[in-house]
Amino acid sequence: DMLISNWKKEAVEFEQPSKFHFLA
């Protein structure tokens, strides 16, 4: 839960919903 919450917070300013979506 903590990891997913951090991924969502840091992706607010980016196009993709998370850094793993960006890599894909």
PDBML (XML) file of the C-alpha atoms, coordinates in Angstrom:
<?xml version="1.0" encoding="UTF-8" ?>
<PDBx:datablock datablockName="MODEL"
   xmlns:PDBx="http://pdbml.pdb.org/schema/pdbx-v50.xsd"
   xmlns:xsi="http://www.w3.org/2001/XMLSchema-instance"
   xsi:schemaLocation="http://pdbml.pdb.org/schema/pdbx-v50.xsd pdbx-v50.xsd">
   <PDBx:atom_siteCategory>
      <PDBx:atom_site id="1">
         <PDBx:B_iso_or_equiv>0.00</PDBx:B_iso_or_equiv>
         <PDBx:Cartn_x>0.000</PDBx:Cartn_x>
         <PDBx:Cartn_y>0.000</PDBx:Cartn_y>
         <PDBx:Cartn_z>0.000</PDBx:Cartn_z>
         <PDBx:auth_asym_id>A</PDBx:auth_asym_id>
         <PDBx:auth_atom_id>CA</PDBx:auth_atom_id>
         <PDBx:auth_comp_id>ASP</PDBx:auth_comp_id>
         <PDBx:auth_seq_id>1</PDBx:auth_seq_id>
         <PDBx:group_PDB>ATOM</PDBx:group_PDB>
         <PDBx:label_alt_id xsi:nil="true" />
         <PDBx:label_asym_id>A</PDBx:label_asym_id>
         <PDBx:label_atom_id>CA</PDBx:label_atom_id>
         <PDBx:label_comp_id>ASP</PDBx:label_comp_id>
         <PDBx:label_entity_id>1</PDBx:label_entity_id>
         <PDBx:label_seq_id>1</PDBx:label_seq_id>
         <PDBx:occupancy>1.00</PDBx:occupancy>
         <PDBx:pdbx_PDB_model_num>1</PDBx:pdbx_PDB_model_num>
         <PDBx:type_symbol>C</PDBx:type_symbol>
      </PDBx:atom_site>
      <PDBx:atom_site id="2">
         <PDBx:B_iso_or_equiv>0.00</PDBx:B_iso_or_equiv>
         <PDBx:Cartn_x>2.851</PDBx:Cartn_x>
         <PDBx:Cartn_y>2.407</PDBx:Cartn_y>
         <PDBx:Cartn_z>0.849</PDBx:Cartn_z>
         <PDBx:auth_asym_id>A</PDBx:auth_asym_id>
         <PDBx:auth_atom_id>CA</PDBx:auth_atom_id>
         <PDBx:auth_comp_id>MET</PDBx:auth_comp_id>
         <PDBx:auth_seq_id>2</PDBx:auth_seq_id>
         <PDBx:group_PDB>ATOM</PDBx:group_PDB>
         <PDBx:label_alt_id xsi:nil="true" />
         <PDBx:label_asym_id>A</PDBx:label_asym_id>
         <PDBx:label_atom_id>CA</PDBx:label_atom_id>
         <PDBx:label_comp_id>MET</PDBx:label_comp_id>
         <PDBx:label_entity_id>1</PDBx:label_entity_id>
         <PDBx:label_seq_id>2</PDBx:label_seq_id>
         <PDBx:occupancy>1.00</PDBx:occupancy>
         <PDBx:pdbx_PDB_model_num>1</PDBx:pdbx_PDB_model_num>
         <PDBx:type_symbol>C</PDBx:type_symbol>
      </PDBx:atom_site>
      <PDBx:atom_site id="3">
         <PDBx:B_iso_or_equiv>0.00</PDBx:B_iso_or_equiv>
         <PDBx:Cartn_x>4.755</PDBx:Cartn_x>
         <PDBx:Cartn_y>1.674</PDBx:Cartn_y>
         <PDBx:Cartn_z>-2.395</PDBx:Cartn_z>
         <PDBx:auth_asym_id>A</PDBx:auth_asym_id>
         <PDBx:auth_atom_id>CA</PDBx:auth_atom_id>
         <PDBx:auth_comp_id>LEU</PDBx:auth_comp_id>
         <PDBx:auth_seq_id>3</PDBx:auth_seq_id>
         <PDBx:group_PDB>ATOM</PDBx:group_PDB>
         <PDBx:label_alt_id xsi:nil="true" />
         <PDBx:label_asym_id>A</PDBx:label_asym_id>
         <PDBx:label_atom_id>CA</PDBx:label_atom_id>
         <PDBx:label_comp_id>LEU</PDBx:label_comp_id>
         <PDBx:label_entity_id>1</PDBx:label_entity_id>
         <PDBx:label_seq_id>3</PDBx:label_seq_id>
         <PDBx:occupancy>1.00</PDBx:occupancy>
         <PDBx:pdbx_PDB_model_num>1</PDBx:pdbx_PDB_model_num>
         <PDBx:type_symbol>C</PDBx:type_symbol>
      </PDBx:atom_site>
      <PDBx:atom_site id="4">
         <PDBx:B_iso_or_equiv>0.00</PDBx:B_iso_or_equiv>
         <PDBx:Cartn_x>1.716</PDBx:Cartn_x>
         <PDBx:Cartn_y>2.169</PDBx:Cartn_y>
         <PDBx:Cartn_z>-4.591</PDBx:Cartn_z>
         <PDBx:auth_asym_id>A</PDBx:auth_asym_id>
         <PDBx:auth_atom_id>CA</PDBx:auth_atom_id>
         <PDBx:auth_comp_id>ILE</PDBx:auth_comp_id>
         <PDBx:auth_seq_id>4</PDBx:auth_seq_id>
         <PDBx:group_PDB>ATOM</PDBx:group_PDB>
         <PDBx:label_alt_id xsi:nil="true" />
         <PDBx:label_asym_id>A</PDBx:label_asym_id>
         <PDBx:label_atom_id>CA</PDBx:label_atom_id>
         <PDBx:label_comp_id>ILE</PDBx:label_comp_id>
         <PDBx:label_entity_id>1</PDBx:label_entity_id>
         <PDBx:label_seq_id>4</PDBx:label_seq_id>
         <PDBx:occupancy>1.00</PDBx:occupancy>
         <PDBx:pdbx_PDB_model_num>1</PDBx:pdbx_PDB_model_num>
         <PDBx:type_symbol>C</PDBx:type_symbol>
      </PDBx:atom_site>
      <PDBx:atom_site id="5">
         <PDBx:B_iso_or_equiv>0.00</PDBx:B_iso_or_equiv>
         <PDBx:Cartn_x>0.826</PDBx:Cartn_x>
         <PDBx:Cartn_y>5.374</PDBx:Cartn_y>
         <PDBx:Cartn_z>-2.777</PDBx:Cartn_z>
         <PDBx:auth_asym_id>A</PDBx:auth_asym_id>
         <PDBx:auth_atom_id>CA</PDBx:auth_atom_id>
         <PDBx:auth_comp_id>SER</PDBx:auth_comp_id>
         <PDBx:auth_seq_id>5</PDBx:auth_seq_id>
         <PDBx:group_PDB>ATOM</PDBx:group_PDB>
         <PDBx:label_alt_id xsi:nil="true" />
         <PDBx:label_asym_id>A</PDBx:label_asym_id>
         <PDBx:label_atom_id>CA</PDBx:label_atom_id>
         <PDBx:label_comp_id>SER</PDBx:label_comp_id>
         <PDBx:label_entity_id>1</PDBx:label_entity_id>
         <PDBx:label_seq_id>5</PDBx:label_seq_id>
         <PDBx:occupancy>1.00</PDBx:occupancy>
         <PDBx:pdbx_PDB_model_num>1</PDBx:pdbx_PDB_model_num>
         <PDBx:type_symbol>C</PDBx:type_symbol>
      </PDBx:atom_site>
      <PDBx:atom_site id="6">
         <PDBx:B_iso_or_equiv>0.00</PDBx:B_iso_or_equiv>
         <PDBx:Cartn_x>4.336</PDBx:Cartn_x>
         <PDBx:Cartn_y>6.758</PDBx:Cartn_y>
         <PDBx:Cartn_z>-3.389</PDBx:Cartn_z>
         <PDBx:auth_asym_id>A</PDBx:auth_asym_id>
         <PDBx:auth_atom_id>CA</PDBx:auth_atom_id>
         <PDBx:auth_comp_id>ASN</PDBx:auth_comp_id>
         <PDBx:auth_seq_id>6</PDBx:auth_seq_id>
         <PDBx:group_PDB>ATOM</PDBx:group_PDB>
         <PDBx:label_alt_id xsi:nil="true" />
         <PDBx:label_asym_id>A</PDBx:label_asym_id>
         <PDBx:label_atom_id>CA</PDBx:label_atom_id>
         <PDBx:label_comp_id>ASN</PDBx:label_comp_id>
         <PDBx:label_entity_id>1</PDBx:label_entity_id>
         <PDBx:label_seq_id>6</PDBx:label_seq_id>
         <PDBx:occupancy>1.00</PDBx:occupancy>
         <PDBx:pdbx_PDB_model_num>1</PDBx:pdbx_PDB_model_num>
         <PDBx:type_symbol>C</PDBx:type_symbol>
      </PDBx:atom_site>
      <PDBx:atom_site id="7">
         <PDBx:B_iso_or_equiv>0.00</PDBx:B_iso_or_equiv>
         <PDBx:Cartn_x>4.245</PDBx:Cartn_x>
         <PDBx:Cartn_y>5.770</PDBx:Cartn_y>
         <PDBx:Cartn_z>-7.054</PDBx:Cartn_z>
         <PDBx:auth_asym_id>A</PDBx:auth_asym_id>
         <PDBx:auth_atom_id>CA</PDBx:auth_atom_id>
         <PDBx:auth_comp_id>TRP</PDBx:auth_comp_id>
         <PDBx:auth_seq_id>7</PDBx:auth_seq_id>
         <PDBx:group_PDB>ATOM</PDBx:group_PDB>
         <PDBx:label_alt_id xsi:nil="true" />
         <PDBx:label_asym_id>A</PDBx:label_asym_id>
         <PDBx:label_atom_id>CA</PDBx:label_atom_id>
         <PDBx:label_comp_id>TRP</PDBx:label_comp_id>
         <PDBx:label_entity_id>1</PDBx:label_entity_id>
         <PDBx:label_seq_id>7</PDBx:label_seq_id>
         <PDBx:occupancy>1.00</PDBx:occupancy>
         <PDBx:pdbx_PDB_model_num>1</PDBx:pdbx_PDB_model_num>
         <PDBx:type_symbol>C</PDBx:type_symbol>
      </PDBx:atom_site>
      <PDBx:atom_site id="8">
         <PDBx:B_iso_or_equiv>0.00</PDBx:B_iso_or_equiv>
         <PDBx:Cartn_x>0.979</PDBx:Cartn_x>
         <PDBx:Cartn_y>7.637</PDBx:Cartn_y>
         <PDBx:Cartn_z>-7.539</PDBx:Cartn_z>
         <PDBx:auth_asym_id>A</PDBx:auth_asym_id>
         <PDBx:auth_atom_id>CA</PDBx:auth_atom_id>
         <PDBx:auth_comp_id>LYS</PDBx:auth_comp_id>
         <PDBx:auth_seq_id>8</PDBx:auth_seq_id>
         <PDBx:group_PDB>ATOM</PDBx:group_PDB>
         <PDBx:label_alt_id xsi:nil="true" />
         <PDBx:label_asym_id>A</PDBx:label_asym_id>
         <PDBx:label_atom_id>CA</PDBx:label_atom_id>
         <PDBx:label_comp_id>LYS</PDBx:label_comp_id>
         <PDBx:label_entity_id>1</PDBx:label_entity_id>
         <PDBx:label_seq_id>8</PDBx:label_seq_id>
         <PDBx:occupancy>1.00</PDBx:occupancy>
         <PDBx:pdbx_PDB_model_num>1</PDBx:pdbx_PDB_model_num>
         <PDBx:type_symbol>C</PDBx:type_symbol>
      </PDBx:atom_site>
      <PDBx:atom_site id="9">
         <PDBx:B_iso_or_equiv>0.00</PDBx:B_iso_or_equiv>
         <PDBx:Cartn_x>2.247</PDBx:Cartn_x>
         <PDBx:Cartn_y>10.755</PDBx:Cartn_y>
         <PDBx:Cartn_z>-5.770</PDBx:Cartn_z>
         <PDBx:auth_asym_id>A</PDBx:auth_asym_id>
         <PDBx:auth_atom_id>CA</PDBx:auth_atom_id>
         <PDBx:auth_comp_id>LYS</PDBx:auth_comp_id>
         <PDBx:auth_seq_id>9</PDBx:auth_seq_id>
         <PDBx:group_PDB>ATOM</PDBx:group_PDB>
         <PDBx:label_alt_id xsi:nil="true" />
         <PDBx:label_asym_id>A</PDBx:label_asym_id>
         <PDBx:label_atom_id>CA</PDBx:label_atom_id>
         <PDBx:label_comp_id>LYS</PDBx:label_comp_id>
         <PDBx:label_entity_id>1</PDBx:label_entity_id>
         <PDBx:label_seq_id>9</PDBx:label_seq_id>
         <PDBx:occupancy>1.00</PDBx:occupancy>
         <PDBx:pdbx_PDB_model_num>1</PDBx:pdbx_PDB_model_num>
         <PDBx:type_symbol>C</PDBx:type_symbol>
      </PDBx:atom_site>
      <PDBx:atom_site id="10">
         <PDBx:B_iso_or_equiv>0.00</PDBx:B_iso_or_equiv>
         <PDBx:Cartn_x>5.464</PDBx:Cartn_x>
         <PDBx:Cartn_y>11.069</PDBx:Cartn_y>
         <PDBx:Cartn_z>-7.768</PDBx:Cartn_z>
         <PDBx:auth_asym_id>A</PDBx:auth_asym_id>
         <PDBx:auth_atom_id>CA</PDBx:auth_atom_id>
         <PDBx:auth_comp_id>GLU</PDBx:auth_comp_id>
         <PDBx:auth_seq_id>10</PDBx:auth_seq_id>
         <PDBx:group_PDB>ATOM</PDBx:group_PDB>
         <PDBx:label_alt_id xsi:nil="true" />
         <PDBx:label_asym_id>A</PDBx:label_asym_id>
         <PDBx:label_atom_id>CA</PDBx:label_atom_id>
         <PDBx:label_comp_id>GLU</PDBx:label_comp_id>
         <PDBx:label_entity_id>1</PDBx:label_entity_id>
         <PDBx:label_seq_id>10</PDBx:label_seq_id>
         <PDBx:occupancy>1.00</PDBx:occupancy>
         <PDBx:pdbx_PDB_model_num>1</PDBx:pdbx_PDB_model_num>
         <PDBx:type_symbol>C</PDBx:type_symbol>
      </PDBx:atom_site>
      <PDBx:atom_site id="11">
         <PDBx:B_iso_or_equiv>0.00</PDBx:B_iso_or_equiv>
         <PDBx:Cartn_x>3.600</PDBx:Cartn_x>
         <PDBx:Cartn_y>10.517</PDBx:Cartn_y>
         <PDBx:Cartn_z>-11.064</PDBx:Cartn_z>
         <PDBx:auth_asym_id>A</PDBx:auth_asym_id>
         <PDBx:auth_atom_id>CA</PDBx:auth_atom_id>
         <PDBx:auth_comp_id>ALA</PDBx:auth_comp_id>
         <PDBx:auth_seq_id>11</PDBx:auth_seq_id>
         <PDBx:group_PDB>ATOM</PDBx:group_PDB>
         <PDBx:label_alt_id xsi:nil="true" />
         <PDBx:label_asym_id>A</PDBx:label_asym_id>
         <PDBx:label_atom_id>CA</PDBx:label_atom_id>
         <PDBx:label_comp_id>ALA</PDBx:label_comp_id>
         <PDBx:label_entity_id>1</PDBx:label_entity_id>
         <PDBx:label_seq_id>11</PDBx:label_seq_id>
         <PDBx:occupancy>1.00</PDBx:occupancy>
         <PDBx:pdbx_PDB_model_num>1</PDBx:pdbx_PDB_model_num>
         <PDBx:type_symbol>C</PDBx:type_symbol>
      </PDBx:atom_site>
      <PDBx:atom_site id="12">
         <PDBx:B_iso_or_equiv>0.00</PDBx:B_iso_or_equiv>
         <PDBx:Cartn_x>1.240</PDBx:Cartn_x>
         <PDBx:Cartn_y>13.470</PDBx:Cartn_y>
         <PDBx:Cartn_z>-10.588</PDBx:Cartn_z>
         <PDBx:auth_asym_id>A</PDBx:auth_asym_id>
         <PDBx:auth_atom_id>CA</PDBx:auth_atom_id>
         <PDBx:auth_comp_id>VAL</PDBx:auth_comp_id>
         <PDBx:auth_seq_id>12</PDBx:auth_seq_id>
         <PDBx:group_PDB>ATOM</PDBx:group_PDB>
         <PDBx:label_alt_id xsi:nil="true" />
         <PDBx:label_asym_id>A</PDBx:label_asym_id>
         <PDBx:label_atom_id>CA</PDBx:label_atom_id>
         <PDBx:label_comp_id>VAL</PDBx:label_comp_id>
         <PDBx:label_entity_id>1</PDBx:label_entity_id>
         <PDBx:label_seq_id>12</PDBx:label_seq_id>
         <PDBx:occupancy>1.00</PDBx:occupancy>
         <PDBx:pdbx_PDB_model_num>1</PDBx:pdbx_PDB_model_num>
         <PDBx:type_symbol>C</PDBx:type_symbol>
      </PDBx:atom_site>
      <PDBx:atom_site id="13">
         <PDBx:B_iso_or_equiv>0.00</PDBx:B_iso_or_equiv>
         <PDBx:Cartn_x>3.421</PDBx:Cartn_x>
         <PDBx:Cartn_y>15.777</PDBx:Cartn_y>
         <PDBx:Cartn_z>-12.705</PDBx:Cartn_z>
         <PDBx:auth_asym_id>A</PDBx:auth_asym_id>
         <PDBx:auth_atom_id>CA</PDBx:auth_atom_id>
         <PDBx:auth_comp_id>GLU</PDBx:auth_comp_id>
         <PDBx:auth_seq_id>13</PDBx:auth_seq_id>
         <PDBx:group_PDB>ATOM</PDBx:group_PDB>
         <PDBx:label_alt_id xsi:nil="true" />
         <PDBx:label_asym_id>A</PDBx:label_asym_id>
         <PDBx:label_atom_id>CA</PDBx:label_atom_id>
         <PDBx:label_comp_id>GLU</PDBx:label_comp_id>
         <PDBx:label_entity_id>1</PDBx:label_entity_id>
         <PDBx:label_seq_id>13</PDBx:label_seq_id>
         <PDBx:occupancy>1.00</PDBx:occupancy>
         <PDBx:pdbx_PDB_model_num>1</PDBx:pdbx_PDB_model_num>
         <PDBx:type_symbol>C</PDBx:type_symbol>
      </PDBx:atom_site>
      <PDBx:atom_site id="14">
         <PDBx:B_iso_or_equiv>0.00</PDBx:B_iso_or_equiv>
         <PDBx:Cartn_x>4.032</PDBx:Cartn_x>
         <PDBx:Cartn_y>13.204</PDBx:Cartn_y>
         <PDBx:Cartn_z>-15.434</PDBx:Cartn_z>
         <PDBx:auth_asym_id>A</PDBx:auth_asym_id>
         <PDBx:auth_atom_id>CA</PDBx:auth_atom_id>
         <PDBx:auth_comp_id>PHE</PDBx:auth_comp_id>
         <PDBx:auth_seq_id>14</PDBx:auth_seq_id>
         <PDBx:group_PDB>ATOM</PDBx:group_PDB>
         <PDBx:label_alt_id xsi:nil="true" />
         <PDBx:label_asym_id>A</PDBx:label_asym_id>
         <PDBx:label_atom_id>CA</PDBx:label_atom_id>
         <PDBx:label_comp_id>PHE</PDBx:label_comp_id>
         <PDBx:label_entity_id>1</PDBx:label_entity_id>
         <PDBx:label_seq_id>14</PDBx:label_seq_id>
         <PDBx:occupancy>1.00</PDBx:occupancy>
         <PDBx:pdbx_PDB_model_num>1</PDBx:pdbx_PDB_model_num>
         <PDBx:type_symbol>C</PDBx:type_symbol>
      </PDBx:atom_site>
      <PDBx:atom_site id="15">
         <PDBx:B_iso_or_equiv>0.00</PDBx:B_iso_or_equiv>
         <PDBx:Cartn_x>1.997</PDBx:Cartn_x>
         <PDBx:Cartn_y>11.764</PDBx:Cartn_y>
         <PDBx:Cartn_z>-18.260</PDBx:Cartn_z>
         <PDBx:auth_asym_id>A</PDBx:auth_asym_id>
         <PDBx:auth_atom_id>CA</PDBx:auth_atom_id>
         <PDBx:auth_comp_id>GLU</PDBx:auth_comp_id>
         <PDBx:auth_seq_id>15</PDBx:auth_seq_id>
         <PDBx:group_PDB>ATOM</PDBx:group_PDB>
         <PDBx:label_alt_id xsi:nil="true" />
         <PDBx:label_asym_id>A</PDBx:label_asym_id>
         <PDBx:label_atom_id>CA</PDBx:label_atom_id>
         <PDBx:label_comp_id>GLU</PDBx:label_comp_id>
         <PDBx:label_entity_id>1</PDBx:label_entity_id>
         <PDBx:label_seq_id>15</PDBx:label_seq_id>
         <PDBx:occupancy>1.00</PDBx:occupancy>
         <PDBx:pdbx_PDB_model_num>1</PDBx:pdbx_PDB_model_num>
         <PDBx:type_symbol>C</PDBx:type_symbol>
      </PDBx:atom_site>
      <PDBx:atom_site id="16">
         <PDBx:B_iso_or_equiv>0.00</PDBx:B_iso_or_equiv>
         <PDBx:Cartn_x>2.032</PDBx:Cartn_x>
         <PDBx:Cartn_y>8.101</PDBx:Cartn_y>
         <PDBx:Cartn_z>-17.257</PDBx:Cartn_z>
         <PDBx:auth_asym_id>A</PDBx:auth_asym_id>
         <PDBx:auth_atom_id>CA</PDBx:auth_atom_id>
         <PDBx:auth_comp_id>GLN</PDBx:auth_comp_id>
         <PDBx:auth_seq_id>16</PDBx:auth_seq_id>
         <PDBx:group_PDB>ATOM</PDBx:group_PDB>
         <PDBx:label_alt_id xsi:nil="true" />
         <PDBx:label_asym_id>A</PDBx:label_asym_id>
         <PDBx:label_atom_id>CA</PDBx:label_atom_id>
         <PDBx:label_comp_id>GLN</PDBx:label_comp_id>
         <PDBx:label_entity_id>1</PDBx:label_entity_id>
         <PDBx:label_seq_id>16</PDBx:label_seq_id>
         <PDBx:occupancy>1.00</PDBx:occupancy>
         <PDBx:pdbx_PDB_model_num>1</PDBx:pdbx_PDB_model_num>
         <PDBx:type_symbol>C</PDBx:type_symbol>
      </PDBx:atom_site>
      <PDBx:atom_site id="17">
         <PDBx:B_iso_or_equiv>0.00</PDBx:B_iso_or_equiv>
         <PDBx:Cartn_x>0.287</PDBx:Cartn_x>
         <PDBx:Cartn_y>6.885</PDBx:Cartn_y>
         <PDBx:Cartn_z>-14.055</PDBx:Cartn_z>
         <PDBx:auth_asym_id>A</PDBx:auth_asym_id>
         <PDBx:auth_atom_id>CA</PDBx:auth_atom_id>
         <PDBx:auth_comp_id>PRO</PDBx:auth_comp_id>
         <PDBx:auth_seq_id>17</PDBx:auth_seq_id>
         <PDBx:group_PDB>ATOM</PDBx:group_PDB>
         <PDBx:label_alt_id xsi:nil="true" />
         <PDBx:label_asym_id>A</PDBx:label_asym_id>
         <PDBx:label_atom_id>CA</PDBx:label_atom_id>
         <PDBx:label_comp_id>PRO</PDBx:label_comp_id>
         <PDBx:label_entity_id>1</PDBx:label_entity_id>
         <PDBx:label_seq_id>17</PDBx:label_seq_id>
         <PDBx:occupancy>1.00</PDBx:occupancy>
         <PDBx:pdbx_PDB_model_num>1</PDBx:pdbx_PDB_model_num>
         <PDBx:type_symbol>C</PDBx:type_symbol>
      </PDBx:atom_site>
      <PDBx:atom_site id="18">
         <PDBx:B_iso_or_equiv>0.00</PDBx:B_iso_or_equiv>
         <PDBx:Cartn_x>3.520</PDBx:Cartn_x>
         <PDBx:Cartn_y>5.381</PDBx:Cartn_y>
         <PDBx:Cartn_z>-12.668</PDBx:Cartn_z>
         <PDBx:auth_asym_id>A</PDBx:auth_asym_id>
         <PDBx:auth_atom_id>CA</PDBx:auth_atom_id>
         <PDBx:auth_comp_id>SER</PDBx:auth_comp_id>
         <PDBx:auth_seq_id>18</PDBx:auth_seq_id>
         <PDBx:group_PDB>ATOM</PDBx:group_PDB>
         <PDBx:label_alt_id xsi:nil="true" />
         <PDBx:label_asym_id>A</PDBx:label_asym_id>
         <PDBx:label_atom_id>CA</PDBx:label_atom_id>
         <PDBx:label_comp_id>SER</PDBx:label_comp_id>
         <PDBx:label_entity_id>1</PDBx:label_entity_id>
         <PDBx:label_seq_id>18</PDBx:label_seq_id>
         <PDBx:occupancy>1.00</PDBx:occupancy>
         <PDBx:pdbx_PDB_model_num>1</PDBx:pdbx_PDB_model_num>
         <PDBx:type_symbol>C</PDBx:type_symbol>
      </PDBx:atom_site>
      <PDBx:atom_site id="19">
         <PDBx:B_iso_or_equiv>0.00</PDBx:B_iso_or_equiv>
         <PDBx:Cartn_x>7.189</PDBx:Cartn_x>
         <PDBx:Cartn_y>4.983</PDBx:Cartn_y>
         <PDBx:Cartn_z>-13.473</PDBx:Cartn_z>
         <PDBx:auth_asym_id>A</PDBx:auth_asym_id>
         <PDBx:auth_atom_id>CA</PDBx:auth_atom_id>
         <PDBx:auth_comp_id>LYS</PDBx:auth_comp_id>
         <PDBx:auth_seq_id>19</PDBx:auth_seq_id>
         <PDBx:group_PDB>ATOM</PDBx:group_PDB>
         <PDBx:label_alt_id xsi:nil="true" />
         <PDBx:label_asym_id>A</PDBx:label_asym_id>
         <PDBx:label_atom_id>CA</PDBx:label_atom_id>
         <PDBx:label_comp_id>LYS</PDBx:label_comp_id>
         <PDBx:label_entity_id>1</PDBx:label_entity_id>
         <PDBx:label_seq_id>19</PDBx:label_seq_id>
         <PDBx:occupancy>1.00</PDBx:occupancy>
         <PDBx:pdbx_PDB_model_num>1</PDBx:pdbx_PDB_model_num>
         <PDBx:type_symbol>C</PDBx:type_symbol>
      </PDBx:atom_site>
      <PDBx:atom_site id="20">
         <PDBx:B_iso_or_equiv>0.00</PDBx:B_iso_or_equiv>
         <PDBx:Cartn_x>6.596</PDBx:Cartn_x>
         <PDBx:Cartn_y>1.376</PDBx:Cartn_y>
         <PDBx:Cartn_z>-14.541</PDBx:Cartn_z>
         <PDBx:auth_asym_id>A</PDBx:auth_asym_id>
         <PDBx:auth_atom_id>CA</PDBx:auth_atom_id>
         <PDBx:auth_comp_id>PHE</PDBx:auth_comp_id>
         <PDBx:auth_seq_id>20</PDBx:auth_seq_id>
         <PDBx:group_PDB>ATOM</PDBx:group_PDB>
         <PDBx:label_alt_id xsi:nil="true" />
         <PDBx:label_asym_id>A</PDBx:label_asym_id>
         <PDBx:label_atom_id>CA</PDBx:label_atom_id>
         <PDBx:label_comp_id>PHE</PDBx:label_comp_id>
         <PDBx:label_entity_id>1</PDBx:label_entity_id>
         <PDBx:label_seq_id>20</PDBx:label_seq_id>
         <PDBx:occupancy>1.00</PDBx:occupancy>
         <PDBx:pdbx_PDB_model_num>1</PDBx:pdbx_PDB_model_num>
         <PDBx:type_symbol>C</PDBx:type_symbol>
      </PDBx:atom_site>
      <PDBx:atom_site id="21">
         <PDBx:B_iso_or_equiv>0.00</PDBx:B_iso_or_equiv>
         <PDBx:Cartn_x>3.959</PDBx:Cartn_x>
         <PDBx:Cartn_y>2.495</PDBx:Cartn_y>
         <PDBx:Cartn_z>-17.013</PDBx:Cartn_z>
         <PDBx:auth_asym_id>A</PDBx:auth_asym_id>
         <PDBx:auth_atom_id>CA</PDBx:auth_atom_id>
         <PDBx:auth_comp_id>HIS</PDBx:auth_comp_id>
         <PDBx:auth_seq_id>21</PDBx:auth_seq_id>
         <PDBx:group_PDB>ATOM</PDBx:group_PDB>
         <PDBx:label_alt_id xsi:nil="true" />
         <PDBx:label_asym_id>A</PDBx:label_asym_id>
         <PDBx:label_atom_id>CA</PDBx:label_atom_id>
         <PDBx:label_comp_id>HIS</PDBx:label_comp_id>
         <PDBx:label_entity_id>1</PDBx:label_entity_id>
         <PDBx:label_seq_id>21</PDBx:label_seq_id>
         <PDBx:occupancy>1.00</PDBx:occupancy>
         <PDBx:pdbx_PDB_model_num>1</PDBx:pdbx_PDB_model_num>
         <PDBx:type_symbol>C</PDBx:type_symbol>
      </PDBx:atom_site>
      <PDBx:atom_site id="22">
         <PDBx:B_iso_or_equiv>0.00</PDBx:B_iso_or_equiv>
         <PDBx:Cartn_x>6.534</PDBx:Cartn_x>
         <PDBx:Cartn_y>4.948</PDBx:Cartn_y>
         <PDBx:Cartn_z>-18.391</PDBx:Cartn_z>
         <PDBx:auth_asym_id>A</PDBx:auth_asym_id>
         <PDBx:auth_atom_id>CA</PDBx:auth_atom_id>
         <PDBx:auth_comp_id>PHE</PDBx:auth_comp_id>
         <PDBx:auth_seq_id>22</PDBx:auth_seq_id>
         <PDBx:group_PDB>ATOM</PDBx:group_PDB>
         <PDBx:label_alt_id xsi:nil="true" />
         <PDBx:label_asym_id>A</PDBx:label_asym_id>
         <PDBx:label_atom_id>CA</PDBx:label_atom_id>
         <PDBx:label_comp_id>PHE</PDBx:label_comp_id>
         <PDBx:label_entity_id>1</PDBx:label_entity_id>
         <PDBx:label_seq_id>22</PDBx:label_seq_id>
         <PDBx:occupancy>1.00</PDBx:occupancy>
         <PDBx:pdbx_PDB_model_num>1</PDBx:pdbx_PDB_model_num>
         <PDBx:type_symbol>C</PDBx:type_symbol>
      </PDBx:atom_site>
      <PDBx:atom_site id="23">
         <PDBx:B_iso_or_equiv>0.00</PDBx:B_iso_or_equiv>
         <PDBx:Cartn_x>9.129</PDBx:Cartn_x>
         <PDBx:Cartn_y>2.179</PDBx:Cartn_y>
         <PDBx:Cartn_z>-18.825</PDBx:Cartn_z>
         <PDBx:auth_asym_id>A</PDBx:auth_asym_id>
         <PDBx:auth_atom_id>CA</PDBx:auth_atom_id>
         <PDBx:auth_comp_id>LEU</PDBx:auth_comp_id>
         <PDBx:auth_seq_id>23</PDBx:auth_seq_id>
         <PDBx:group_PDB>ATOM</PDBx:group_PDB>
         <PDBx:label_alt_id xsi:nil="true" />
         <PDBx:label_asym_id>A</PDBx:label_asym_id>
         <PDBx:label_atom_id>CA</PDBx:label_atom_id>
         <PDBx:label_comp_id>LEU</PDBx:label_comp_id>
         <PDBx:label_entity_id>1</PDBx:label_entity_id>
         <PDBx:label_seq_id>23</PDBx:label_seq_id>
         <PDBx:occupancy>1.00</PDBx:occupancy>
         <PDBx:pdbx_PDB_model_num>1</PDBx:pdbx_PDB_model_num>
         <PDBx:type_symbol>C</PDBx:type_symbol>
      </PDBx:atom_site>
      <PDBx:atom_site id="24">
         <PDBx:B_iso_or_equiv>0.00</PDBx:B_iso_or_equiv>
         <PDBx:Cartn_x>6.589</PDBx:Cartn_x>
         <PDBx:Cartn_y>-0.004</PDBx:Cartn_y>
         <PDBx:Cartn_z>-20.613</PDBx:Cartn_z>
         <PDBx:auth_asym_id>A</PDBx:auth_asym_id>
         <PDBx:auth_atom_id>CA</PDBx:auth_atom_id>
         <PDBx:auth_comp_id>ALA</PDBx:auth_comp_id>
         <PDBx:auth_seq_id>24</PDBx:auth_seq_id>
         <PDBx:group_PDB>ATOM</PDBx:group_PDB>
         <PDBx:label_alt_id xsi:nil="true" />
         <PDBx:label_asym_id>A</PDBx:label_asym_id>
         <PDBx:label_atom_id>CA</PDBx:label_atom_id>
         <PDBx:label_comp_id>ALA</PDBx:label_comp_id>
         <PDBx:label_entity_id>1</PDBx:label_entity_id>
         <PDBx:label_seq_id>24</PDBx:label_seq_id>
         <PDBx:occupancy>1.00</PDBx:occupancy>
         <PDBx:pdbx_PDB_model_num>1</PDBx:pdbx_PDB_model_num>
         <PDBx:type_symbol>C</PDBx:type_symbol>
      </PDBx:atom_site>
   </PDBx:atom_siteCategory>
</PDBx:datablock>
